[in-house]
Amino acid sequence: MSDTTNNYGDVVNMHGGEKNIGISHGPVVHNDGTAQDAELRAAVAELTRLLQDLRPELTPEQARTVEDVLPALAPDRAALRERGMILASVSQLAATVGEVGRPVVEAVGRLLALLG
């Protein structure tokens, strides 16, 4: 027989103390299943602001495309992953206007990086 103890998963030994609340395993998940993600919210807000700033540089058709895209930009990780084509079209549209669209292209890249 061996004196080795194999523990699988979390092992917590607590002896006494006050207000012990347990182990934190990451971000808080709300009952609706969405995780709090301030960085994602900030990235979506930045992209939205940059798109609104870019609108005067766009053709009327491009501006309508941006108008259609804005409601789809919600700070919801799962929804944004499903709307990957929307993000790609926004990036492509911003690239067509040249240097003035570069901040939007970069913001889309940062957002996609956050989505994994």
PDB file of N, CA and C in Angstrom:
ATOM      1  N   MET A   1       0.839  -1.165   0.000  1.00  0.00           N
ATOM      2  CA  MET A   1       0.000   0.000   0.000  1.00  0.00           C
ATOM      3  C   MET A   1       0.884   1.228   0.000  1.00  0.00           C
ATOM      4  N   SER A   2       0.418   2.254  -0.649  1.00  0.00           N
ATOM      5  CA  SER A   2       1.185   3.484  -0.798  1.00  0.00           C
ATOM      6  C   SER A   2       0.605   4.576   0.083  1.00  0.00           C
ATOM      7  N   ASP A   3       1.468   5.477   0.507  1.00  0.00           N
ATOM      8  CA  ASP A   3       1.020   6.630   1.277  1.00  0.00           C
ATOM      9  C   ASP A   3       0.634   7.796   0.381  1.00  0.00           C
ATOM     10  N   THR A   4       0.634   7.591  -0.931  1.00  0.00           N
ATOM     11  CA  THR A   4       0.340   8.648  -1.891  1.00  0.00           C
ATOM     12  C   THR A   4      -1.165   8.887  -1.966  1.00  0.00           C
ATOM     13  N   THR A   5      -1.556  10.143  -1.925  1.00  0.00           N
ATOM     14  CA  THR A   5      -2.955  10.509  -2.081  1.00  0.00           C
ATOM     15  C   THR A   5      -3.108  11.199  -3.426  1.00  0.00           C
ATOM     16  N   ASN A   6      -3.996  10.699  -4.239  1.00  0.00           N
ATOM     17  CA  ASN A   6      -4.274  11.310  -5.542  1.00  0.00           C
ATOM     18  C   ASN A   6      -5.537  12.142  -5.423  1.00  0.00           C
ATOM     19  N   ASN A   7      -5.394  13.438  -5.620  1.00  0.00           N
ATOM     20  CA  ASN A   7      -6.540  14.333  -5.573  1.00  0.00           C
ATOM     21  C   ASN A   7      -6.832  14.815  -6.985  1.00  0.00           C
ATOM     22  N   TYR A   8      -8.069  14.719  -7.376  1.00  0.00           N
ATOM     23  CA  TYR A   8      -8.485  15.185  -8.690  1.00  0.00           C
ATOM     24  C   TYR A   8      -9.452  16.339  -8.497  1.00  0.00           C
ATOM     25  N   GLY A   9      -9.129  17.469  -9.063  1.00  0.00           N
ATOM     26  CA  GLY A   9      -9.975  18.641  -8.903  1.00  0.00           C
ATOM     27  C   GLY A   9      -9.517  19.483  -7.727  1.00  0.00           C
ATOM     28  N   ASP A  10     -10.393  20.334  -7.277  1.00  0.00           N
ATOM     29  CA  ASP A  10     -10.057  21.260  -6.192  1.00  0.00           C
ATOM     30  C   ASP A  10     -10.013  20.537  -4.854  1.00  0.00           C
ATOM     31  N   VAL A  11      -8.992  20.833  -4.083  1.00  0.00           N
ATOM     32  CA  VAL A  11      -8.889  20.339  -2.718  1.00  0.00           C
ATOM     33  C   VAL A  11      -8.699  21.560  -1.831  1.00  0.00           C
ATOM     34  N   VAL A  12      -9.592  21.712  -0.872  1.00  0.00           N
ATOM     35  CA  VAL A  12      -9.524  22.860   0.024  1.00  0.00           C
ATOM     36  C   VAL A  12      -9.618  22.351   1.450  1.00  0.00           C
ATOM     37  N   ASN A  13      -8.647  22.718   2.226  1.00  0.00           N
ATOM     38  CA  ASN A  13      -8.661  22.395   3.651  1.00  0.00           C
ATOM     39  C   ASN A  13      -8.744  23.709   4.413  1.00  0.00           C
ATOM     40  N   MET A  14      -9.816  23.876   5.164  1.00  0.00           N
ATOM     41  CA  MET A  14      -9.983  25.105   5.920  1.00  0.00           C
ATOM     42  C   MET A  14     -10.166  24.739   7.374  1.00  0.00           C
ATOM     43  N   HIS A  15      -9.383  25.371   8.214  1.00  0.00           N
ATOM     44  CA  HIS A  15      -9.451  25.110   9.639  1.00  0.00           C
ATOM     45  C   HIS A  15      -9.743  26.431  10.347  1.00  0.00           C
ATOM     46  N   GLY A  16     -10.978  26.629  10.721  1.00  0.00           N
ATOM     47  CA  GLY A  16     -11.353  27.871  11.400  1.00  0.00           C
ATOM     48  C   GLY A  16     -11.516  29.009  10.415  1.00  0.00           C
ATOM     49  N   GLY A  17     -11.369  30.215  10.900  1.00  0.00           N
ATOM     50  CA  GLY A  17     -11.499  31.392  10.056  1.00  0.00           C
ATOM     51  C   GLY A  17     -12.902  31.946  10.091  1.00  0.00           C
ATOM     52  N   GLU A  18     -13.049  33.082   9.458  1.00  0.00           N
ATOM     53  CA  GLU A  18     -14.344  33.745   9.389  1.00  0.00           C
ATOM     54  C   GLU A  18     -14.628  34.176   7.962  1.00  0.00           C
ATOM     55  N   LYS A  19     -15.882  34.169   7.610  1.00  0.00           N
ATOM     56  CA  LYS A  19     -16.350  34.660   6.312  1.00  0.00           C
ATOM     57  C   LYS A  19     -15.627  33.991   5.146  1.00  0.00           C
ATOM     58  N   ASN A  20     -15.402  32.706   5.259  1.00  0.00           N
ATOM     59  CA  ASN A  20     -14.815  31.949   4.157  1.00  0.00           C
ATOM     60  C   ASN A  20     -15.902  31.740   3.107  1.00  0.00           C
ATOM     61  N   ILE A  21     -15.635  32.162   1.887  1.00  0.00           N
ATOM     62  CA  ILE A  21     -16.693  32.125   0.882  1.00  0.00           C
ATOM     63  C   ILE A  21     -16.432  31.137  -0.247  1.00  0.00           C
ATOM     64  N   GLY A  22     -15.305  30.495  -0.286  1.00  0.00           N
ATOM     65  CA  GLY A  22     -15.076  29.486  -1.306  1.00  0.00           C
ATOM     66  C   GLY A  22     -14.022  29.882  -2.314  1.00  0.00           C
ATOM     67  N   ILE A  23     -14.058  29.211  -3.450  1.00  0.00           N
ATOM     68  CA  ILE A  23     -13.050  29.370  -4.494  1.00  0.00           C
ATOM     69  C   ILE A  23     -13.645  30.162  -5.656  1.00  0.00           C
ATOM     70  N   SER A  24     -12.886  31.096  -6.183  1.00  0.00           N
ATOM     71  CA  SER A  24     -13.305  31.836  -7.370  1.00  0.00           C
ATOM     72  C   SER A  24     -12.766  31.120  -8.601  1.00  0.00           C
ATOM     73  N   HIS A  25     -13.648  30.758  -9.503  1.00  0.00           N
ATOM     74  CA  HIS A  25     -13.257  30.069 -10.731  1.00  0.00           C
ATOM     75  C   HIS A  25     -13.405  30.947 -11.962  1.00  0.00           C
ATOM     76  N   GLY A  26     -13.326  32.234 -11.825  1.00  0.00           N
ATOM     77  CA  GLY A  26     -13.392  33.102 -12.994  1.00  0.00           C
ATOM     78  C   GLY A  26     -14.453  34.166 -12.858  1.00  0.00           C
ATOM     79  N   PRO A  27     -14.869  34.732 -14.016  1.00  0.00           N
ATOM     80  CA  PRO A  27     -15.824  35.835 -13.992  1.00  0.00           C
ATOM     81  C   PRO A  27     -17.196  35.405 -13.484  1.00  0.00           C
ATOM     82  N   VAL A  28     -17.926  36.376 -13.002  1.00  0.00           N
ATOM     83  CA  VAL A  28     -19.267  36.128 -12.510  1.00  0.00           C
ATOM     84  C   VAL A  28     -20.172  35.813 -13.691  1.00  0.00           C
ATOM     85  N   VAL A  29     -20.953  34.758 -13.567  1.00  0.00           N
ATOM     86  CA  VAL A  29     -21.907  34.406 -14.617  1.00  0.00           C
ATOM     87  C   VAL A  29     -23.300  34.673 -14.074  1.00  0.00           C
ATOM     88  N   HIS A  30     -24.062  35.458 -14.807  1.00  0.00           N
ATOM     89  CA  HIS A  30     -25.409  35.794 -14.387  1.00  0.00           C
ATOM     90  C   HIS A  30     -26.363  34.669 -14.758  1.00  0.00           C
ATOM     91  N   ASN A  31     -27.552  34.708 -14.224  1.00  0.00           N
ATOM     92  CA  ASN A  31     -28.533  33.663 -14.480  1.00  0.00           C
ATOM     93  C   ASN A  31     -28.870  33.517 -15.952  1.00  0.00           C
ATOM     94  N   ASP A  32     -28.697  34.567 -16.749  1.00  0.00           N
ATOM     95  CA  ASP A  32     -29.021  34.466 -18.172  1.00  0.00           C
ATOM     96  C   ASP A  32     -27.875  33.832 -18.961  1.00  0.00           C
ATOM     97  N   GLY A  33     -26.772  33.452 -18.303  1.00  0.00           N
ATOM     98  CA  GLY A  33     -25.683  32.743 -18.956  1.00  0.00           C
ATOM     99  C   GLY A  33     -24.612  33.630 -19.558  1.00  0.00           C
ATOM    100  N   THR A  34     -24.731  34.928 -19.455  1.00  0.00           N
ATOM    101  CA  THR A  34     -23.712  35.811 -20.017  1.00  0.00           C
ATOM    102  C   THR A  34     -22.708  36.193 -18.955  1.00  0.00           C
ATOM    103  N   ALA A  35     -21.457  36.226 -19.323  1.00  0.00           N
ATOM    104  CA  ALA A  35     -20.403  36.600 -18.378  1.00  0.00           C
ATOM    105  C   ALA A  35     -20.156  38.098 -18.455  1.00  0.00           C
ATOM    106  N   GLN A  36     -19.829  38.659 -17.321  1.00  0.00           N
ATOM    107  CA  GLN A  36     -19.469  40.071 -17.320  1.00  0.00           C
ATOM    108  C   GLN A  36     -18.133  40.195 -18.025  1.00  0.00           C
ATOM    109  N   ASP A  37     -18.048  41.060 -18.971  1.00  0.00           N
ATOM    110  CA  ASP A  37     -16.803  41.214 -19.700  1.00  0.00           C
ATOM    111  C   ASP A  37     -16.641  42.680 -20.080  1.00  0.00           C
ATOM    112  N   ALA A  38     -16.027  43.418 -19.201  1.00  0.00           N
ATOM    113  CA  ALA A  38     -15.866  44.859 -19.407  1.00  0.00           C
ATOM    114  C   ALA A  38     -15.029  45.154 -20.642  1.00  0.00           C
ATOM    115  N   GLU A  39     -14.041  44.320 -20.895  1.00  0.00           N
ATOM    116  CA  GLU A  39     -13.178  44.544 -22.052  1.00  0.00           C
ATOM    117  C   GLU A  39     -13.961  44.399 -23.361  1.00  0.00           C
ATOM    118  N   LEU A  40     -14.847  43.413 -23.423  1.00  0.00           N
ATOM    119  CA  LEU A  40     -15.677  43.224 -24.613  1.00  0.00           C
ATOM    120  C   LEU A  40     -16.632  44.401 -24.790  1.00  0.00           C
ATOM    121  N   ARG A  41     -17.256  44.837 -23.697  1.00  0.00           N
ATOM    122  CA  ARG A  41     -18.168  45.991 -23.780  1.00  0.00           C
ATOM    123  C   ARG A  41     -17.431  47.229 -24.267  1.00  0.00           C
ATOM    124  N   ALA A  42     -16.210  47.431 -23.761  1.00  0.00           N
ATOM    125  CA  ALA A  42     -15.423  48.599 -24.168  1.00  0.00           C
ATOM    126  C   ALA A  42     -15.053  48.511 -25.647  1.00  0.00           C
ATOM    127  N   ALA A  43     -14.706  47.328 -26.116  1.00  0.00           N
ATOM    128  CA  ALA A  43     -14.334  47.151 -27.524  1.00  0.00           C
ATOM    129  C   ALA A  43     -15.526  47.406 -28.442  1.00  0.00           C
ATOM    130  N   VAL A  44     -16.699  46.937 -28.055  1.00  0.00           N
ATOM    131  CA  VAL A  44     -17.909  47.168 -28.857  1.00  0.00           C
ATOM    132  C   VAL A  44     -18.264  48.655 -28.856  1.00  0.00           C
ATOM    133  N   ALA A  45     -18.157  49.301 -27.699  1.00  0.00           N
ATOM    134  CA  ALA A  45     -18.456  50.738 -27.613  1.00  0.00           C
ATOM    135  C   ALA A  45     -17.485  51.544 -28.471  1.00  0.00           C
ATOM    136  N   GLU A  46     -16.205  51.172 -28.442  1.00  0.00           N
ATOM    137  CA  GLU A  46     -15.211  51.870 -29.257  1.00  0.00           C
ATOM    138  C   GLU A  46     -15.509  51.696 -30.749  1.00  0.00           C
ATOM    139  N   LEU A  47     -15.815  50.467 -31.165  1.00  0.00           N
ATOM    140  CA  LEU A  47     -16.127  50.213 -32.573  1.00  0.00           C
ATOM    141  C   LEU A  47     -17.365  50.996 -32.996  1.00  0.00           C
ATOM    142  N   THR A  48     -18.367  51.026 -32.157  1.00  0.00           N
ATOM    143  CA  THR A  48     -19.591  51.780 -32.468  1.00  0.00           C
ATOM    144  C   THR A  48     -19.283  53.263 -32.640  1.00  0.00           C
ATOM    145  N   ARG A  49     -18.494  53.813 -31.731  1.00  0.00           N
ATOM    146  CA  ARG A  49     -18.124  55.234 -31.810  1.00  0.00           C
ATOM    147  C   ARG A  49     -17.321  55.510 -33.089  1.00  0.00           C
ATOM    148  N   LEU A  50     -16.366  54.635 -33.394  1.00  0.00           N
ATOM    149  CA  LEU A  50     -15.544  54.838 -34.589  1.00  0.00           C
ATOM    150  C   LEU A  50     -16.373  54.747 -35.867  1.00  0.00           C
ATOM    151  N   LEU A  51     -17.333  53.834 -35.886  1.00  0.00           N
ATOM    152  CA  LEU A  51     -18.205  53.724 -37.065  1.00  0.00           C
ATOM    153  C   LEU A  51     -19.049  54.983 -37.233  1.00  0.00           C
ATOM    154  N   GLN A  52     -19.536  55.516 -36.135  1.00  0.00           N
ATOM    155  CA  GLN A  52     -20.324  56.749 -36.227  1.00  0.00           C
ATOM    156  C   GLN A  52     -19.459  57.913 -36.699  1.00  0.00           C
ATOM    157  N   ASP A  53     -18.202  57.954 -36.260  1.00  0.00           N
ATOM    158  CA  ASP A  53     -17.285  58.999 -36.704  1.00  0.00           C
ATOM    159  C   ASP A  53     -16.928  58.849 -38.181  1.00  0.00           C
ATOM    160  N   LEU A  54     -16.941  57.631 -38.671  1.00  0.00           N
ATOM    161  CA  LEU A  54     -16.561  57.351 -40.065  1.00  0.00           C
ATOM    162  C   LEU A  54     -17.679  57.672 -41.059  1.00  0.00           C
ATOM    163  N   ARG A  55     -18.903  57.702 -40.613  1.00  0.00           N
ATOM    164  CA  ARG A  55     -20.052  57.863 -41.517  1.00  0.00           C
ATOM    165  C   ARG A  55     -19.958  59.045 -42.479  1.00  0.00           C
ATOM    166  N   PRO A  56     -19.470  60.216 -42.059  1.00  0.00           N
ATOM    167  CA  PRO A  56     -19.387  61.330 -43.007  1.00  0.00           C
ATOM    168  C   PRO A  56     -18.439  61.053 -44.184  1.00  0.00           C
ATOM    169  N   GLU A  57     -17.520  60.116 -44.016  1.00  0.00           N
ATOM    170  CA  GLU A  57     -16.556  59.794 -45.075  1.00  0.00           C
ATOM    171  C   GLU A  57     -17.085  58.757 -46.053  1.00  0.00           C
ATOM    172  N   LEU A  58     -18.257  58.210 -45.782  1.00  0.00           N
ATOM    173  CA  LEU A  58     -18.788  57.102 -46.574  1.00  0.00           C
ATOM    174  C   LEU A  58     -19.769  57.576 -47.634  1.00  0.00           C
ATOM    175  N   THR A  59     -19.936  56.738 -48.649  1.00  0.00           N
ATOM    176  CA  THR A  59     -20.979  56.988 -49.643  1.00  0.00           C
ATOM    177  C   THR A  59     -22.325  56.724 -48.967  1.00  0.00           C
ATOM    178  N   PRO A  60     -23.419  57.208 -49.549  1.00  0.00           N
ATOM    179  CA  PRO A  60     -24.728  56.943 -48.938  1.00  0.00           C
ATOM    180  C   PRO A  60     -25.015  55.444 -48.764  1.00  0.00           C
ATOM    181  N   GLU A  61     -24.601  54.642 -49.726  1.00  0.00           N
ATOM    182  CA  GLU A  61     -24.822  53.187 -49.627  1.00  0.00           C
ATOM    183  C   GLU A  61     -24.001  52.589 -48.476  1.00  0.00           C
ATOM    184  N   GLN A  62     -22.753  53.019 -48.358  1.00  0.00           N
ATOM    185  CA  GLN A  62     -21.908  52.535 -47.268  1.00  0.00           C
ATOM    186  C   GLN A  62     -22.457  52.989 -45.919  1.00  0.00           C
ATOM    187  N   ALA A  63     -22.942  54.215 -45.843  1.00  0.00           N
ATOM    188  CA  ALA A  63     -23.515  54.739 -44.598  1.00  0.00           C
ATOM    189  C   ALA A  63     -24.743  53.924 -44.190  1.00  0.00           C
ATOM    190  N   ARG A  64     -25.565  53.509 -45.178  1.00  0.00           N
ATOM    191  CA  ARG A  64     -26.724  52.658 -44.875  1.00  0.00           C
ATOM    192  C   ARG A  64     -26.272  51.307 -44.330  1.00  0.00           C
ATOM    193  N   THR A  65     -25.194  50.769 -44.894  1.00  0.00           N
ATOM    194  CA  THR A  65     -24.655  49.498 -44.396  1.00  0.00           C
ATOM    195  C   THR A  65     -24.246  49.633 -42.938  1.00  0.00           C
ATOM    196  N   VAL A  66     -23.554  50.727 -42.616  1.00  0.00           N
ATOM    197  CA  VAL A  66     -23.146  50.967 -41.229  1.00  0.00           C
ATOM    198  C   VAL A  66     -24.381  51.098 -40.344  1.00  0.00           C
ATOM    199  N   GLU A  67     -25.388  51.817 -40.816  1.00  0.00           N
ATOM    200  CA  GLU A  67     -26.631  51.974 -40.065  1.00  0.00           C
ATOM    201  C   GLU A  67     -27.276  50.629 -39.760  1.00  0.00           C
ATOM    202  N   ASP A  68     -27.222  49.718 -40.743  1.00  0.00           N
ATOM    203  CA  ASP A  68     -27.802  48.384 -40.566  1.00  0.00           C
ATOM    204  C   ASP A  68     -26.981  47.532 -39.598  1.00  0.00           C
ATOM    205  N   VAL A  69     -25.682  47.761 -39.557  1.00  0.00           N
ATOM    206  CA  VAL A  69     -24.780  46.956 -38.732  1.00  0.00           C
ATOM    207  C   VAL A  69     -24.815  47.376 -37.263  1.00  0.00           C
ATOM    208  N   LEU A  70     -24.967  48.645 -36.992  1.00  0.00           N
ATOM    209  CA  LEU A  70     -24.868  49.155 -35.615  1.00  0.00           C
ATOM    210  C   LEU A  70     -25.757  48.410 -34.610  1.00  0.00           C
ATOM    211  N   PRO A  71     -27.020  48.115 -34.919  1.00  0.00           N
ATOM    212  CA  PRO A  71     -27.840  47.392 -33.932  1.00  0.00           C
ATOM    213  C   PRO A  71     -27.329  45.974 -33.639  1.00  0.00           C
ATOM    214  N   ALA A  72     -26.602  45.390 -34.578  1.00  0.00           N
ATOM    215  CA  ALA A  72     -26.089  44.030 -34.391  1.00  0.00           C
ATOM    216  C   ALA A  72     -24.858  43.982 -33.496  1.00  0.00           C
ATOM    217  N   LEU A  73     -24.257  45.142 -33.221  1.00  0.00           N
ATOM    218  CA  LEU A  73     -23.045  45.188 -32.391  1.00  0.00           C
ATOM    219  C   LEU A  73     -23.428  45.254 -30.919  1.00  0.00           C
ATOM    220  N   ALA A  74     -23.745  44.105 -30.379  1.00  0.00           N
ATOM    221  CA  ALA A  74     -24.090  43.998 -28.958  1.00  0.00           C
ATOM    222  C   ALA A  74     -22.909  43.381 -28.220  1.00  0.00           C
ATOM    223  N   PRO A  75     -22.658  43.804 -26.983  1.00  0.00           N
ATOM    224  CA  PRO A  75     -21.541  43.231 -26.230  1.00  0.00           C
ATOM    225  C   PRO A  75     -21.869  41.833 -25.697  1.00  0.00           C
ATOM    226  N   ASP A  76     -22.236  40.954 -26.605  1.00  0.00           N
ATOM    227  CA  ASP A  76     -22.590  39.580 -26.274  1.00  0.00           C
ATOM    228  C   ASP A  76     -21.669  38.671 -27.077  1.00  0.00           C
ATOM    229  N   ARG A  77     -20.797  37.972 -26.376  1.00  0.00           N
ATOM    230  CA  ARG A  77     -19.767  37.141 -27.004  1.00  0.00           C
ATOM    231  C   ARG A  77     -20.356  36.140 -28.004  1.00  0.00           C
ATOM    232  N   ALA A  78     -21.383  35.409 -27.589  1.00  0.00           N
ATOM    233  CA  ALA A  78     -21.971  34.385 -28.459  1.00  0.00           C
ATOM    234  C   ALA A  78     -22.603  35.022 -29.699  1.00  0.00           C
ATOM    235  N   ALA A  79     -23.323  36.103 -29.504  1.00  0.00           N
ATOM    236  CA  ALA A  79     -23.982  36.766 -30.635  1.00  0.00           C
ATOM    237  C   ALA A  79     -22.952  37.311 -31.620  1.00  0.00           C
ATOM    238  N   LEU A  80     -21.869  37.906 -31.113  1.00  0.00           N
ATOM    239  CA  LEU A  80     -20.847  38.454 -32.009  1.00  0.00           C
ATOM    240  C   LEU A  80     -20.127  37.350 -32.779  1.00  0.00           C
ATOM    241  N   ARG A  81     -19.940  36.199 -32.148  1.00  0.00           N
ATOM    242  CA  ARG A  81     -19.316  35.079 -32.872  1.00  0.00           C
ATOM    243  C   ARG A  81     -20.205  34.643 -34.029  1.00  0.00           C
ATOM    244  N   GLU A  82     -21.516  34.626 -33.797  1.00  0.00           N
ATOM    245  CA  GLU A  82     -22.456  34.258 -34.861  1.00  0.00           C
ATOM    246  C   GLU A  82     -22.485  35.312 -35.972  1.00  0.00           C
ATOM    247  N   ARG A  83     -22.176  36.535 -35.615  1.00  0.00           N
ATOM    248  CA  ARG A  83     -22.235  37.644 -36.575  1.00  0.00           C
ATOM    249  C   ARG A  83     -20.854  37.984 -37.131  1.00  0.00           C
ATOM    250  N   GLY A  84     -20.014  37.001 -37.262  1.00  0.00           N
ATOM    251  CA  GLY A  84     -18.657  37.209 -37.760  1.00  0.00           C
ATOM    252  C   GLY A  84     -18.616  37.845 -39.138  1.00  0.00           C
ATOM    253  N   MET A  85     -19.570  37.493 -39.987  1.00  0.00           N
ATOM    254  CA  MET A  85     -19.616  38.071 -41.337  1.00  0.00           C
ATOM    255  C   MET A  85     -19.914  39.566 -41.273  1.00  0.00           C
ATOM    256  N   ILE A  86     -20.691  39.986 -40.295  1.00  0.00           N
ATOM    257  CA  ILE A  86     -20.980  41.413 -40.131  1.00  0.00           C
ATOM    258  C   ILE A  86     -19.691  42.157 -39.793  1.00  0.00           C
ATOM    259  N   LEU A  87     -18.917  41.592 -38.871  1.00  0.00           N
ATOM    260  CA  LEU A  87     -17.650  42.228 -38.500  1.00  0.00           C
ATOM    261  C   LEU A  87     -16.693  42.269 -39.687  1.00  0.00           C
ATOM    262  N   ALA A  88     -16.679  41.200 -40.474  1.00  0.00           N
ATOM    263  CA  ALA A  88     -15.815  41.166 -41.659  1.00  0.00           C
ATOM    264  C   ALA A  88     -16.244  42.221 -42.669  1.00  0.00           C
ATOM    265  N   SER A  89     -17.545  42.398 -42.856  1.00  0.00           N
ATOM    266  CA  SER A  89     -18.012  43.399 -43.824  1.00  0.00           C
ATOM    267  C   SER A  89     -17.700  44.813 -43.343  1.00  0.00           C
ATOM    268  N   VAL A  90     -17.794  45.031 -42.020  1.00  0.00           N
ATOM    269  CA  VAL A  90     -17.454  46.345 -41.462  1.00  0.00           C
ATOM    270  C   VAL A  90     -15.973  46.641 -41.707  1.00  0.00           C
ATOM    271  N   SER A  91     -15.141  45.660 -41.475  1.00  0.00           N
ATOM    272  CA  SER A  91     -13.708  45.834 -41.673  1.00  0.00           C
ATOM    273  C   SER A  91     -13.393  46.111 -43.142  1.00  0.00           C
ATOM    274  N   GLN A  92     -14.034  45.376 -44.023  1.00  0.00           N
ATOM    275  CA  GLN A  92     -13.815  45.570 -45.457  1.00  0.00           C
ATOM    276  C   GLN A  92     -14.287  46.948 -45.898  1.00  0.00           C
ATOM    277  N   LEU A  93     -15.437  47.360 -45.414  1.00  0.00           N
ATOM    278  CA  LEU A  93     -15.971  48.682 -45.752  1.00  0.00           C
ATOM    279  C   LEU A  93     -15.014  49.772 -45.283  1.00  0.00           C
ATOM    280  N   ALA A  94     -14.505  49.643 -44.065  1.00  0.00           N
ATOM    281  CA  ALA A  94     -13.583  50.648 -43.532  1.00  0.00           C
ATOM    282  C   ALA A  94     -12.277  50.675 -44.317  1.00  0.00           C
ATOM    283  N   ALA A  95     -11.842  49.525 -44.777  1.00  0.00           N
ATOM    284  CA  ALA A  95     -10.595  49.462 -45.548  1.00  0.00           C
ATOM    285  C   ALA A  95     -10.737  50.165 -46.895  1.00  0.00           C
ATOM    286  N   THR A  96     -11.938  50.190 -47.448  1.00  0.00           N
ATOM    287  CA  THR A  96     -12.132  50.810 -48.764  1.00  0.00           C
ATOM    288  C   THR A  96     -11.990  52.328 -48.730  1.00  0.00           C
ATOM    289  N   VAL A  97     -12.165  52.943 -47.562  1.00  0.00           N
ATOM    290  CA  VAL A  97     -12.058  54.404 -47.488  1.00  0.00           C
ATOM    291  C   VAL A  97     -10.649  54.863 -47.159  1.00  0.00           C
ATOM    292  N   GLY A  98      -9.735  53.919 -47.051  1.00  0.00           N
ATOM    293  CA  GLY A  98      -8.321  54.270 -46.887  1.00  0.00           C
ATOM    294  C   GLY A  98      -7.915  54.528 -45.455  1.00  0.00           C
ATOM    295  N   GLU A  99      -6.981  55.435 -45.302  1.00  0.00           N
ATOM    296  CA  GLU A  99      -6.359  55.719 -44.002  1.00  0.00           C
ATOM    297  C   GLU A  99      -7.373  56.163 -42.951  1.00  0.00           C
ATOM    298  N   VAL A 100      -8.404  56.875 -43.372  1.00  0.00           N
ATOM    299  CA  VAL A 100      -9.409  57.362 -42.419  1.00  0.00           C
ATOM    300  C   VAL A 100     -10.193  56.188 -41.801  1.00  0.00           C
ATOM    301  N   GLY A 101     -10.231  55.051 -42.483  1.00  0.00           N
ATOM    302  CA  GLY A 101     -10.932  53.875 -41.973  1.00  0.00           C
ATOM    303  C   GLY A 101     -10.061  52.948 -41.148  1.00  0.00           C
ATOM    304  N   ARG A 102      -8.766  53.242 -41.086  1.00  0.00           N
ATOM    305  CA  ARG A 102      -7.835  52.359 -40.366  1.00  0.00           C
ATOM    306  C   ARG A 102      -8.220  52.125 -38.900  1.00  0.00           C
ATOM    307  N   PRO A 103      -8.639  53.143 -38.136  1.00  0.00           N
ATOM    308  CA  PRO A 103      -9.023  52.876 -36.745  1.00  0.00           C
ATOM    309  C   PRO A 103     -10.162  51.860 -36.618  1.00  0.00           C
ATOM    310  N   VAL A 104     -11.086  51.877 -37.569  1.00  0.00           N
ATOM    311  CA  VAL A 104     -12.189  50.906 -37.537  1.00  0.00           C
ATOM    312  C   VAL A 104     -11.654  49.511 -37.807  1.00  0.00           C
ATOM    313  N   VAL A 105     -10.772  49.370 -38.797  1.00  0.00           N
ATOM    314  CA  VAL A 105     -10.186  48.068 -39.116  1.00  0.00           C
ATOM    315  C   VAL A 105      -9.448  47.521 -37.892  1.00  0.00           C
ATOM    316  N   GLU A 106      -8.690  48.382 -37.228  1.00  0.00           N
ATOM    317  CA  GLU A 106      -7.949  47.962 -36.032  1.00  0.00           C
ATOM    318  C   GLU A 106      -8.898  47.589 -34.890  1.00  0.00           C
ATOM    319  N   ALA A 107      -9.984  48.336 -34.725  1.00  0.00           N
ATOM    320  CA  ALA A 107     -10.957  48.045 -33.665  1.00  0.00           C
ATOM    321  C   ALA A 107     -11.643  46.704 -33.916  1.00  0.00           C
ATOM    322  N   VAL A 108     -11.953  46.419 -35.176  1.00  0.00           N
ATOM    323  CA  VAL A 108     -12.551  45.120 -35.517  1.00  0.00           C
ATOM    324  C   VAL A 108     -11.552  44.011 -35.202  1.00  0.00           C
ATOM    325  N   GLY A 109     -10.290  44.224 -35.515  1.00  0.00           N
ATOM    326  CA  GLY A 109      -9.267  43.238 -35.212  1.00  0.00           C
ATOM    327  C   GLY A 109      -9.147  42.961 -33.715  1.00  0.00           C
ATOM    328  N   ARG A 110      -9.202  44.018 -32.912  1.00  0.00           N
ATOM    329  CA  ARG A 110      -9.143  43.839 -31.456  1.00  0.00           C
ATOM    330  C   ARG A 110     -10.375  43.078 -30.945  1.00  0.00           C
ATOM    331  N   LEU A 111     -11.526  43.404 -31.504  1.00  0.00           N
ATOM    332  CA  LEU A 111     -12.751  42.736 -31.098  1.00  0.00           C
ATOM    333  C   LEU A 111     -12.708  41.249 -31.468  1.00  0.00           C
ATOM    334  N   LEU A 112     -12.254  40.950 -32.672  1.00  0.00           N
ATOM    335  CA  LEU A 112     -12.141  39.553 -33.088  1.00  0.00           C
ATOM    336  C   LEU A 112     -11.143  38.794 -32.209  1.00  0.00           C
ATOM    337  N   ALA A 113     -10.070  39.445 -31.812  1.00  0.00           N
ATOM    338  CA  ALA A 113      -9.076  38.816 -30.936  1.00  0.00           C
ATOM    339  C   ALA A 113      -9.708  38.480 -29.572  1.00  0.00           C
ATOM    340  N   LEU A 114     -10.573  39.370 -29.072  1.00  0.00           N
ATOM    341  CA  LEU A 114     -11.257  39.095 -27.802  1.00  0.00           C
ATOM    342  C   LEU A 114     -12.217  37.924 -27.914  1.00  0.00           C
ATOM    343  N   LEU A 115     -12.800  37.772 -29.093  1.00  0.00           N
ATOM    344  CA  LEU A 115     -13.766  36.675 -29.295  1.00  0.00           C
ATOM    345  C   LEU A 115     -13.073  35.334 -29.456  1.00  0.00           C
ATOM    346  N   GLY A 116     -11.769  35.382 -29.757  1.00  0.00           N
ATOM    347  CA  GLY A 116     -10.996  34.132 -29.874  1.00  0.00           C
ATOM    348  C   GLY A 116     -11.154  33.548 -31.188  1.00  0.00           C
TER     349      GLY A 116
END
